[in-house]
Amino acid sequence: MITELVMNRIRQLLLAIVGVLKRAMCCFSRRRKLSASECEVLNTVSVDRYPNATRSAGHGKNVPEKDWNSWDDSPKTVEEHIERYRETLAQPPSPTEPQPEMDYFQDMTPQISSQPKICIATESEPSDFSRLVAKIDIPVVNELEDWNEGDRNGWDDADETTTKQLIRETRKELRAQRHQNRHQLETSYA
């Protein structure tokens, strides 16, 4: 028990030293340099004081220009939403043929066929046979038998003294077996 305590303390001390060394190595190690694709350098900055005036001067309509680098094609303003809606109304609806629905349960329908009927008839049986008629093959006795109480079989025959003796004998045998097993274990260890 004392050795386990000492070993745990030594292990905790070693883990603490390794942790301190790891932190020291991280502080002194070089940081990874960023590649050119990860970092963009800003070369020039231009400020447009009147953005709407310069756009409308070049065009006849007052339509905002879309950013060329934008991948998002969804409309951003109300005017763009209205323009997109008008474009969808102007296009003729494409005729789509409804695809026939697949009947996945077609092969699961049961095949119903009538079973052939086989009638076996012998000429020895009477033609007015009824399956509800009972045949009396059991002999009927009209007399009741006498109840004989002298023949008592079962638990009533057991006497209390014999059962107590049996229980005592089984307990003695179990004790003797346990004592013998203990004696054998003691001799095997010695």
C-alpha atoms as a PDB file:
ATOM      1  CA  MET A   1       0.000   0.000   0.000  1.00  0.00           C
ATOM      2  CA  ILE A   2       2.834   2.370   0.808  1.00  0.00           C
ATOM      3  CA  THR A   3       4.608   1.398  -2.401  1.00  0.00           C
ATOM      4  CA  GLU A   4       1.481   2.237  -4.418  1.00  0.00           C
ATOM      5  CA  LEU A   5       1.303   5.662  -2.773  1.00  0.00           C
ATOM      6  CA  VAL A   6       4.967   6.363  -3.515  1.00  0.00           C
ATOM      7  CA  MET A   7       4.586   5.170  -7.130  1.00  0.00           C
ATOM      8  CA  ASN A   8       1.551   7.440  -7.640  1.00  0.00           C
ATOM      9  CA  ARG A   9       3.468  10.436  -6.303  1.00  0.00           C
ATOM     10  CA  ILE A  10       6.440   9.722  -8.592  1.00  0.00           C
ATOM     11  CA  ARG A  11       4.120   9.333 -11.585  1.00  0.00           C
ATOM     12  CA  GLN A  12       2.367  12.649 -10.809  1.00  0.00           C
ATOM     13  CA  LEU A  13       5.729  14.385 -10.512  1.00  0.00           C
ATOM     14  CA  LEU A  14       6.899  13.026 -13.878  1.00  0.00           C
ATOM     15  CA  LEU A  15       3.646  14.063 -15.576  1.00  0.00           C
ATOM     16  CA  ALA A  16       3.968  17.585 -14.167  1.00  0.00           C
ATOM     17  CA  ILE A  17       7.547  17.871 -15.464  1.00  0.00           C
ATOM     18  CA  VAL A  18       6.529  16.628 -18.920  1.00  0.00           C
ATOM     19  CA  GLY A  19       3.650  19.135 -19.017  1.00  0.00           C
ATOM     20  CA  VAL A  20       5.983  22.040 -18.185  1.00  0.00           C
ATOM     21  CA  LEU A  21       8.439  20.909 -20.880  1.00  0.00           C
ATOM     22  CA  LYS A  22       5.650  20.710 -23.469  1.00  0.00           C
ATOM     23  CA  ARG A  23       4.552  24.277 -22.745  1.00  0.00           C
ATOM     24  CA  ALA A  24       8.146  25.496 -22.962  1.00  0.00           C
ATOM     25  CA  MET A  25       8.604  23.764 -26.323  1.00  0.00           C
ATOM     26  CA  CYS A  26       5.407  25.327 -27.674  1.00  0.00           C
ATOM     27  CA  CYS A  27       6.506  28.828 -26.685  1.00  0.00           C
ATOM     28  CA  PHE A  28       9.930  28.495 -28.299  1.00  0.00           C
ATOM     29  CA  SER A  29       8.856  26.682 -31.460  1.00  0.00           C
ATOM     30  CA  ARG A  30       8.413  28.684 -34.671  1.00  0.00           C
ATOM     31  CA  ARG A  31       4.968  29.574 -35.803  1.00  0.00           C
ATOM     32  CA  ARG A  32       3.818  28.313 -39.198  1.00  0.00           C
ATOM     33  CA  LYS A  33       4.044  30.914 -41.957  1.00  0.00           C
ATOM     34  CA  LEU A  34       0.828  31.636 -43.833  1.00  0.00           C
ATOM     35  CA  SER A  35       0.828  30.912 -47.552  1.00  0.00           C
ATOM     36  CA  ALA A  36      -0.137  33.546 -50.110  1.00  0.00           C
ATOM     37  CA  SER A  37      -3.546  31.948 -50.742  1.00  0.00           C
ATOM     38  CA  GLU A  38      -4.546  32.224 -47.099  1.00  0.00           C
ATOM     39  CA  CYS A  39      -3.772  35.896 -46.735  1.00  0.00           C
ATOM     40  CA  GLU A  40      -4.559  38.628 -49.265  1.00  0.00           C
ATOM     41  CA  VAL A  41      -2.567  41.813 -49.279  1.00  0.00           C
ATOM     42  CA  LEU A  42      -4.529  45.036 -49.716  1.00  0.00           C
ATOM     43  CA  ASN A  43      -2.788  47.212 -52.335  1.00  0.00           C
ATOM     44  CA  THR A  44      -5.136  50.093 -53.044  1.00  0.00           C
ATOM     45  CA  VAL A  45      -8.204  51.608 -51.486  1.00  0.00           C
ATOM     46  CA  SER A  46     -10.593  53.830 -53.376  1.00  0.00           C
ATOM     47  CA  VAL A  47     -13.484  55.775 -51.938  1.00  0.00           C
ATOM     48  CA  ASP A  48     -16.408  56.801 -54.146  1.00  0.00           C
ATOM     49  CA  ARG A  49     -18.183  59.816 -52.678  1.00  0.00           C
ATOM     50  CA  TYR A  50     -21.150  59.743 -55.065  1.00  0.00           C
ATOM     51  CA  PRO A  51     -21.777  56.122 -56.120  1.00  0.00           C
ATOM     52  CA  ASN A  52     -25.293  56.653 -57.563  1.00  0.00           C
ATOM     53  CA  ALA A  53     -24.356  59.702 -59.627  1.00  0.00           C
ATOM     54  CA  THR A  54     -21.493  57.964 -61.464  1.00  0.00           C
ATOM     55  CA  ARG A  55     -23.548  54.870 -62.269  1.00  0.00           C
ATOM     56  CA  SER A  56     -26.588  56.745 -63.518  1.00  0.00           C
ATOM     57  CA  ALA A  57     -24.485  59.106 -65.627  1.00  0.00           C
ATOM     58  CA  GLY A  58     -23.118  56.225 -67.735  1.00  0.00           C
ATOM     59  CA  HIS A  59     -26.422  54.373 -68.190  1.00  0.00           C
ATOM     60  CA  GLY A  60     -29.862  55.438 -69.291  1.00  0.00           C
ATOM     61  CA  LYS A  61     -31.549  53.507 -66.453  1.00  0.00           C
ATOM     62  CA  ASN A  62     -30.935  53.658 -62.739  1.00  0.00           C
ATOM     63  CA  VAL A  63     -30.003  49.938 -62.366  1.00  0.00           C
ATOM     64  CA  PRO A  64     -27.511  48.968 -59.687  1.00  0.00           C
ATOM     65  CA  GLU A  65     -24.555  46.962 -60.961  1.00  0.00           C
ATOM     66  CA  LYS A  66     -23.943  43.464 -59.692  1.00  0.00           C
ATOM     67  CA  ASP A  67     -20.640  42.445 -58.223  1.00  0.00           C
ATOM     68  CA  TRP A  68     -18.678  40.223 -60.626  1.00  0.00           C
ATOM     69  CA  ASN A  69     -17.145  38.208 -57.800  1.00  0.00           C
ATOM     70  CA  SER A  70     -20.510  37.387 -56.280  1.00  0.00           C
ATOM     71  CA  TRP A  71     -21.638  33.775 -56.538  1.00  0.00           C
ATOM     72  CA  ASP A  72     -24.985  34.480 -54.955  1.00  0.00           C
ATOM     73  CA  ASP A  73     -27.602  34.954 -57.691  1.00  0.00           C
ATOM     74  CA  SER A  74     -30.503  35.664 -55.339  1.00  0.00           C
ATOM     75  CA  PRO A  75     -32.057  39.119 -55.541  1.00  0.00           C
ATOM     76  CA  LYS A  76     -31.101  41.524 -52.813  1.00  0.00           C
ATOM     77  CA  THR A  77     -33.438  44.471 -53.319  1.00  0.00           C
ATOM     78  CA  VAL A  78     -37.165  44.771 -53.931  1.00  0.00           C
ATOM     79  CA  GLU A  79     -36.569  45.903 -57.527  1.00  0.00           C
ATOM     80  CA  GLU A  80     -34.509  42.758 -58.195  1.00  0.00           C
ATOM     81  CA  HIS A  81     -37.283  40.602 -56.729  1.00  0.00           C
ATOM     82  CA  ILE A  82     -39.869  42.275 -58.973  1.00  0.00           C
ATOM     83  CA  GLU A  83     -37.621  41.892 -62.036  1.00  0.00           C
ATOM     84  CA  ARG A  84     -37.059  38.197 -61.290  1.00  0.00           C
ATOM     85  CA  TYR A  85     -40.831  37.664 -60.887  1.00  0.00           C
ATOM     86  CA  ARG A  86     -41.528  39.369 -64.230  1.00  0.00           C
ATOM     87  CA  GLU A  87     -38.916  37.191 -65.931  1.00  0.00           C
ATOM     88  CA  THR A  88     -40.567  34.030 -64.624  1.00  0.00           C
ATOM     89  CA  LEU A  89     -43.989  35.245 -65.834  1.00  0.00           C
ATOM     90  CA  ALA A  90     -42.600  36.061 -69.300  1.00  0.00           C
ATOM     91  CA  GLN A  91     -41.167  32.585 -69.786  1.00  0.00           C
ATOM     92  CA  PRO A  92     -43.670  30.054 -71.148  1.00  0.00           C
ATOM     93  CA  PRO A  93     -44.277  27.175 -68.762  1.00  0.00           C
ATOM     94  CA  SER A  94     -42.346  24.117 -69.826  1.00  0.00           C
ATOM     95  CA  PRO A  95     -44.587  21.165 -70.527  1.00  0.00           C
ATOM     96  CA  THR A  96     -43.726  18.418 -68.134  1.00  0.00           C
ATOM     97  CA  GLU A  97     -44.953  14.931 -68.753  1.00  0.00           C
ATOM     98  CA  PRO A  98     -46.167  13.287 -65.613  1.00  0.00           C
ATOM     99  CA  GLN A  99     -44.067  10.260 -64.933  1.00  0.00           C
ATOM    100  CA  PRO A 100     -46.057   7.081 -64.591  1.00  0.00           C
ATOM    101  CA  GLU A 101     -46.119   5.944 -61.028  1.00  0.00           C
ATOM    102  CA  MET A 102     -44.304   2.723 -60.391  1.00  0.00           C
ATOM    103  CA  ASP A 103     -46.451   0.023 -58.867  1.00  0.00           C
ATOM    104  CA  TYR A 104     -44.055  -1.563 -56.398  1.00  0.00           C
ATOM    105  CA  PHE A 105     -46.676  -3.947 -55.050  1.00  0.00           C
ATOM    106  CA  GLN A 106     -47.715  -5.455 -58.384  1.00  0.00           C
ATOM    107  CA  ASP A 107     -45.691  -8.629 -57.916  1.00  0.00           C
ATOM    108  CA  MET A 108     -47.002  -9.027 -54.367  1.00  0.00           C
ATOM    109  CA  THR A 109     -50.640  -9.617 -55.315  1.00  0.00           C
ATOM    110  CA  PRO A 110     -51.695 -13.171 -54.526  1.00  0.00           C
ATOM    111  CA  GLN A 111     -52.556 -15.619 -57.296  1.00  0.00           C
ATOM    112  CA  ILE A 112     -55.981 -16.974 -56.411  1.00  0.00           C
ATOM    113  CA  SER A 113     -56.847 -20.324 -57.900  1.00  0.00           C
ATOM    114  CA  SER A 114     -59.471 -22.792 -56.800  1.00  0.00           C
ATOM    115  CA  GLN A 115     -58.181 -25.992 -55.272  1.00  0.00           C
ATOM    116  CA  PRO A 116     -59.211 -29.235 -56.900  1.00  0.00           C
ATOM    117  CA  LYS A 117     -61.776 -31.138 -54.869  1.00  0.00           C
ATOM    118  CA  ILE A 118     -61.275 -34.859 -54.399  1.00  0.00           C
ATOM    119  CA  CYS A 119     -64.189 -36.949 -53.157  1.00  0.00           C
ATOM    120  CA  ILE A 120     -63.485 -40.472 -51.995  1.00  0.00           C
ATOM    121  CA  ALA A 121     -66.593 -42.517 -51.467  1.00  0.00           C
ATOM    122  CA  THR A 122     -66.937 -46.177 -50.747  1.00  0.00           C
ATOM    123  CA  GLU A 123     -70.087 -48.132 -51.346  1.00  0.00           C
ATOM    124  CA  SER A 124     -69.925 -49.811 -47.918  1.00  0.00           C
ATOM    125  CA  GLU A 125     -70.770 -46.534 -46.102  1.00  0.00           C
ATOM    126  CA  PRO A 126     -74.429 -45.706 -45.776  1.00  0.00           C
ATOM    127  CA  SER A 127     -75.615 -42.768 -47.799  1.00  0.00           C
ATOM    128  CA  ASP A 128     -77.414 -41.138 -44.841  1.00  0.00           C
ATOM    129  CA  PHE A 129     -74.161 -40.728 -42.878  1.00  0.00           C
ATOM    130  CA  SER A 130     -74.052 -37.785 -40.478  1.00  0.00           C
ATOM    131  CA  ARG A 131     -70.882 -36.672 -38.779  1.00  0.00           C
ATOM    132  CA  LEU A 132     -72.873 -35.452 -35.763  1.00  0.00           C
ATOM    133  CA  VAL A 133     -74.051 -38.918 -34.797  1.00  0.00           C
ATOM    134  CA  ALA A 134     -72.181 -40.297 -31.777  1.00  0.00           C
ATOM    135  CA  LYS A 135     -71.100 -43.915 -31.532  1.00  0.00           C
ATOM    136  CA  ILE A 136     -71.415 -45.474 -28.121  1.00  0.00           C
ATOM    137  CA  ASP A 137     -68.435 -47.782 -27.601  1.00  0.00           C
ATOM    138  CA  ILE A 138     -67.961 -47.118 -23.885  1.00  0.00           C
ATOM    139  CA  PRO A 139     -69.572 -49.623 -21.545  1.00  0.00           C
ATOM    140  CA  VAL A 140     -71.947 -47.898 -19.157  1.00  0.00           C
ATOM    141  CA  VAL A 141     -72.018 -49.023 -15.518  1.00  0.00           C
ATOM    142  CA  ASN A 142     -75.089 -48.010 -13.579  1.00  0.00           C
ATOM    143  CA  GLU A 143     -73.661 -48.668 -10.138  1.00  0.00           C
ATOM    144  CA  LEU A 144     -71.533 -46.259  -8.151  1.00  0.00           C
ATOM    145  CA  GLU A 145     -68.394 -47.648  -6.617  1.00  0.00           C
ATOM    146  CA  ASP A 146     -67.824 -47.448  -2.881  1.00  0.00           C
ATOM    147  CA  TRP A 147     -65.311 -44.934  -1.588  1.00  0.00           C
ATOM    148  CA  ASN A 148     -62.607 -46.829   0.195  1.00  0.00           C
ATOM    149  CA  GLU A 149     -60.909 -44.610   2.747  1.00  0.00           C
ATOM    150  CA  GLY A 150     -58.644 -47.389   3.952  1.00  0.00           C
ATOM    151  CA  ASP A 151     -56.320 -46.966   0.970  1.00  0.00           C
ATOM    152  CA  ARG A 152     -54.554 -43.747   1.900  1.00  0.00           C
ATOM    153  CA  ASN A 153     -51.681 -42.960  -0.407  1.00  0.00           C
ATOM    154  CA  GLY A 154     -49.678 -39.770  -0.387  1.00  0.00           C
ATOM    155  CA  TRP A 155     -48.348 -37.386   2.232  1.00  0.00           C
ATOM    156  CA  ASP A 156     -50.516 -38.585   5.052  1.00  0.00           C
ATOM    157  CA  ASP A 157     -48.377 -41.708   5.487  1.00  0.00           C
ATOM    158  CA  ALA A 158     -45.284 -39.723   6.445  1.00  0.00           C
ATOM    159  CA  ASP A 159     -44.718 -39.558  10.179  1.00  0.00           C
ATOM    160  CA  GLU A 160     -43.337 -36.403  11.779  1.00  0.00           C
ATOM    161  CA  THR A 161     -40.595 -38.274  13.640  1.00  0.00           C
ATOM    162  CA  THR A 162     -39.267 -39.926  10.484  1.00  0.00           C
ATOM    163  CA  THR A 163     -39.167 -36.625   8.610  1.00  0.00           C
ATOM    164  CA  LYS A 164     -37.291 -34.952  11.471  1.00  0.00           C
ATOM    165  CA  GLN A 165     -34.793 -37.824  11.552  1.00  0.00           C
ATOM    166  CA  LEU A 166     -34.245 -37.540   7.780  1.00  0.00           C
ATOM    167  CA  ILE A 167     -33.606 -33.805   8.053  1.00  0.00           C
ATOM    168  CA  ARG A 168     -31.090 -34.332  10.897  1.00  0.00           C
ATOM    169  CA  GLU A 169     -29.245 -37.015   8.942  1.00  0.00           C
ATOM    170  CA  THR A 170     -28.918 -34.846   5.829  1.00  0.00           C
ATOM    171  CA  ARG A 171     -27.617 -31.931   7.935  1.00  0.00           C
ATOM    172  CA  LYS A 172     -25.015 -34.216   9.570  1.00  0.00           C
ATOM    173  CA  GLU A 173     -23.869 -35.432   6.153  1.00  0.00           C
ATOM    174  CA  LEU A 174     -23.526 -31.836   4.855  1.00  0.00           C
ATOM    175  CA  ARG A 175     -21.505 -30.834   7.943  1.00  0.00           C
ATOM    176  CA  ALA A 176     -19.221 -33.840   7.498  1.00  0.00           C
ATOM    177  CA  GLN A 177     -18.643 -32.932   3.832  1.00  0.00           C
ATOM    178  CA  ARG A 178     -17.824 -29.306   4.692  1.00  0.00           C
ATOM    179  CA  HIS A 179     -15.427 -30.411   7.440  1.00  0.00           C
ATOM    180  CA  GLN A 180     -13.737 -32.846   5.054  1.00  0.00           C
ATOM    181  CA  ASN A 181     -13.394 -30.135   2.344  1.00  0.00           C
ATOM    182  CA  ARG A 182     -11.831 -27.700   4.838  1.00  0.00           C
ATOM    183  CA  HIS A 183      -9.426 -30.358   6.041  1.00  0.00           C
ATOM    184  CA  GLN A 184      -8.373 -31.131   2.455  1.00  0.00           C
ATOM    185  CA  LEU A 185      -7.818 -27.409   1.680  1.00  0.00           C
ATOM    186  CA  GLU A 186      -5.692 -26.968   4.810  1.00  0.00           C
ATOM    187  CA  THR A 187      -3.517 -29.947   3.930  1.00  0.00           C
ATOM    188  CA  SER A 188      -3.097 -28.808   0.308  1.00  0.00           C
ATOM    189  CA  TYR A 189      -1.860 -25.311   1.405  1.00  0.00           C
ATOM    190  CA  ALA A 190       0.565 -26.762   3.953  1.00  0.00           C
END
